[in-house]
Amino acid sequence: MPSPSSPMHTPPSGMAPVVERNIRALLTRHHQAERQARWQDRLADRITGFTGSMRFVTLHLVLFGLWVVVNLPGVPCHTSTRRMSS
């Protein structure tokens, strides 16, 4: 990692030190908020993290697919042969 005095670290616009300071401040605030969060908030974050994931989508596709397959025998199927009434 280049040192702060190296030419690679010095930004051409002069905005990077401000941006870096803001990022550090935001990260500090975020970590502080995580430490102070109530257990209900942490639980809600875990639930929404899971339900918004592809693992959740895949799990539901598998479960609903199995549910449909298990319940197919009880569904009357229309066959291609027609019964002739006498």
C-alpha atoms as a PDB file:
ATOM      1  CA  MET A   1       0.000   0.000   0.000  1.00  0.00           C
ATOM      2  CA  PRO A   2       1.487   3.374  -0.939  1.00  0.00           C
ATOM      3  CA  SER A   3       2.252   5.813   1.820  1.00  0.00           C
ATOM      4  CA  PRO A   4       0.157   9.004   2.105  1.00  0.00           C
ATOM      5  CA  SER A   5       3.076  11.075   0.828  1.00  0.00           C
ATOM      6  CA  SER A   6       3.639   8.995  -2.324  1.00  0.00           C
ATOM      7  CA  PRO A   7       2.469  10.372  -5.680  1.00  0.00           C
ATOM      8  CA  MET A   8       0.100   7.385  -6.164  1.00  0.00           C
ATOM      9  CA  HIS A   9      -1.787   8.243  -2.986  1.00  0.00           C
ATOM     10  CA  THR A  10      -2.122  11.987  -3.638  1.00  0.00           C
ATOM     11  CA  PRO A  11      -5.322  12.580  -5.591  1.00  0.00           C
ATOM     12  CA  PRO A  12      -5.251  14.950  -8.557  1.00  0.00           C
ATOM     13  CA  SER A  13      -8.414  16.789  -7.492  1.00  0.00           C
ATOM     14  CA  GLY A  14      -7.708  17.098  -3.773  1.00  0.00           C
ATOM     15  CA  MET A  15     -11.068  15.487  -2.917  1.00  0.00           C
ATOM     16  CA  ALA A  16      -9.841  12.040  -1.891  1.00  0.00           C
ATOM     17  CA  PRO A  17      -8.805  12.972   1.671  1.00  0.00           C
ATOM     18  CA  VAL A  18     -12.288  14.334   2.286  1.00  0.00           C
ATOM     19  CA  VAL A  19     -13.860  11.241   0.750  1.00  0.00           C
ATOM     20  CA  GLU A  20     -11.620   8.942   2.799  1.00  0.00           C
ATOM     21  CA  ARG A  21     -12.477  10.841   5.990  1.00  0.00           C
ATOM     22  CA  ASN A  22     -16.188  10.579   5.193  1.00  0.00           C
ATOM     23  CA  ILE A  23     -15.923   6.860   4.489  1.00  0.00           C
ATOM     24  CA  ARG A  24     -14.104   6.275   7.783  1.00  0.00           C
ATOM     25  CA  ALA A  25     -16.758   8.316   9.609  1.00  0.00           C
ATOM     26  CA  LEU A  26     -19.572   6.354   7.959  1.00  0.00           C
ATOM     27  CA  LEU A  27     -17.939   3.026   8.778  1.00  0.00           C
ATOM     28  CA  THR A  28     -17.421   4.074  12.395  1.00  0.00           C
ATOM     29  CA  ARG A  29     -21.055   5.144  12.635  1.00  0.00           C
ATOM     30  CA  HIS A  30     -22.227   1.906  11.015  1.00  0.00           C
ATOM     31  CA  HIS A  31     -20.200  -0.267  13.414  1.00  0.00           C
ATOM     32  CA  GLN A  32     -21.420   1.761  16.372  1.00  0.00           C
ATOM     33  CA  ALA A  33     -25.044   1.351  15.250  1.00  0.00           C
ATOM     34  CA  GLU A  34     -24.522  -2.411  14.850  1.00  0.00           C
ATOM     35  CA  ARG A  35     -23.164  -2.683  18.392  1.00  0.00           C
ATOM     36  CA  GLN A  36     -26.103  -0.689  19.812  1.00  0.00           C
ATOM     37  CA  ALA A  37     -28.803  -2.513  17.849  1.00  0.00           C
ATOM     38  CA  ARG A  38     -31.452  -4.343  19.850  1.00  0.00           C
ATOM     39  CA  TRP A  39     -31.794  -8.091  19.424  1.00  0.00           C
ATOM     40  CA  GLN A  40     -35.071  -7.604  17.536  1.00  0.00           C
ATOM     41  CA  ASP A  41     -33.313  -5.404  14.988  1.00  0.00           C
ATOM     42  CA  ARG A  42     -30.469  -7.895  14.605  1.00  0.00           C
ATOM     43  CA  LEU A  43     -32.987 -10.717  14.121  1.00  0.00           C
ATOM     44  CA  ALA A  44     -34.897  -8.690  11.527  1.00  0.00           C
ATOM     45  CA  ASP A  45     -31.633  -7.949   9.701  1.00  0.00           C
ATOM     46  CA  ARG A  46     -30.771 -11.652   9.618  1.00  0.00           C
ATOM     47  CA  ILE A  47     -34.246 -12.597   8.347  1.00  0.00           C
ATOM     48  CA  THR A  48     -34.269  -9.968   5.601  1.00  0.00           C
ATOM     49  CA  GLY A  49     -30.714 -10.889   4.671  1.00  0.00           C
ATOM     50  CA  PHE A  50     -31.801 -14.495   4.130  1.00  0.00           C
ATOM     51  CA  THR A  51     -35.130 -13.809   2.416  1.00  0.00           C
ATOM     52  CA  GLY A  52     -33.427 -11.473  -0.026  1.00  0.00           C
ATOM     53  CA  SER A  53     -30.847 -14.064  -1.072  1.00  0.00           C
ATOM     54  CA  MET A  54     -30.682 -16.493  -3.979  1.00  0.00           C
ATOM     55  CA  ARG A  55     -30.419 -19.325  -1.437  1.00  0.00           C
ATOM     56  CA  PHE A  56     -33.948 -18.418  -0.288  1.00  0.00           C
ATOM     57  CA  VAL A  57     -35.228 -18.340  -3.887  1.00  0.00           C
ATOM     58  CA  THR A  58     -33.649 -21.725  -4.643  1.00  0.00           C
ATOM     59  CA  LEU A  59     -35.038 -23.241  -1.452  1.00  0.00           C
ATOM     60  CA  HIS A  60     -38.543 -22.061  -2.327  1.00  0.00           C
ATOM     61  CA  LEU A  61     -38.301 -23.342  -5.896  1.00  0.00           C
ATOM     62  CA  VAL A  62     -37.300 -26.765  -4.596  1.00  0.00           C
ATOM     63  CA  LEU A  63     -39.960 -26.840  -1.855  1.00  0.00           C
ATOM     64  CA  PHE A  64     -42.792 -25.672  -4.116  1.00  0.00           C
ATOM     65  CA  GLY A  65     -41.644 -28.031  -6.867  1.00  0.00           C
ATOM     66  CA  LEU A  66     -41.716 -30.960  -4.448  1.00  0.00           C
ATOM     67  CA  TRP A  67     -45.104 -29.851  -3.137  1.00  0.00           C
ATOM     68  CA  VAL A  68     -46.521 -29.826  -6.664  1.00  0.00           C
ATOM     69  CA  VAL A  69     -45.057 -33.263  -7.470  1.00  0.00           C
ATOM     70  CA  VAL A  70     -46.366 -34.771  -4.214  1.00  0.00           C
ATOM     71  CA  ASN A  71     -49.846 -33.389  -4.827  1.00  0.00           C
ATOM     72  CA  LEU A  72     -50.090 -34.395  -8.506  1.00  0.00           C
ATOM     73  CA  PRO A  73     -51.556 -37.881  -7.867  1.00  0.00           C
ATOM     74  CA  GLY A  74     -54.679 -36.292  -6.392  1.00  0.00           C
ATOM     75  CA  VAL A  75     -55.282 -34.087  -9.433  1.00  0.00           C
ATOM     76  CA  PRO A  76     -57.526 -35.575 -12.103  1.00  0.00           C
ATOM     77  CA  CYS A  77     -55.727 -35.606 -15.431  1.00  0.00           C
ATOM     78  CA  HIS A  78     -57.409 -35.129 -18.767  1.00  0.00           C
ATOM     79  CA  THR A  79     -56.416 -37.892 -21.125  1.00  0.00           C
ATOM     80  CA  SER A  80     -56.357 -37.675 -24.864  1.00  0.00           C
ATOM     81  CA  THR A  81     -58.885 -40.518 -25.230  1.00  0.00           C
ATOM     82  CA  ARG A  82     -62.530 -39.561 -24.948  1.00  0.00           C
ATOM     83  CA  ARG A  83     -65.199 -41.828 -23.640  1.00  0.00           C
ATOM     84  CA  MET A  84     -68.073 -42.386 -25.944  1.00  0.00           C
ATOM     85  CA  SER A  85     -71.449 -42.229 -24.282  1.00  0.00           C
ATOM     86  CA  SER A  86     -73.970 -44.814 -25.364  1.00  0.00           C
END
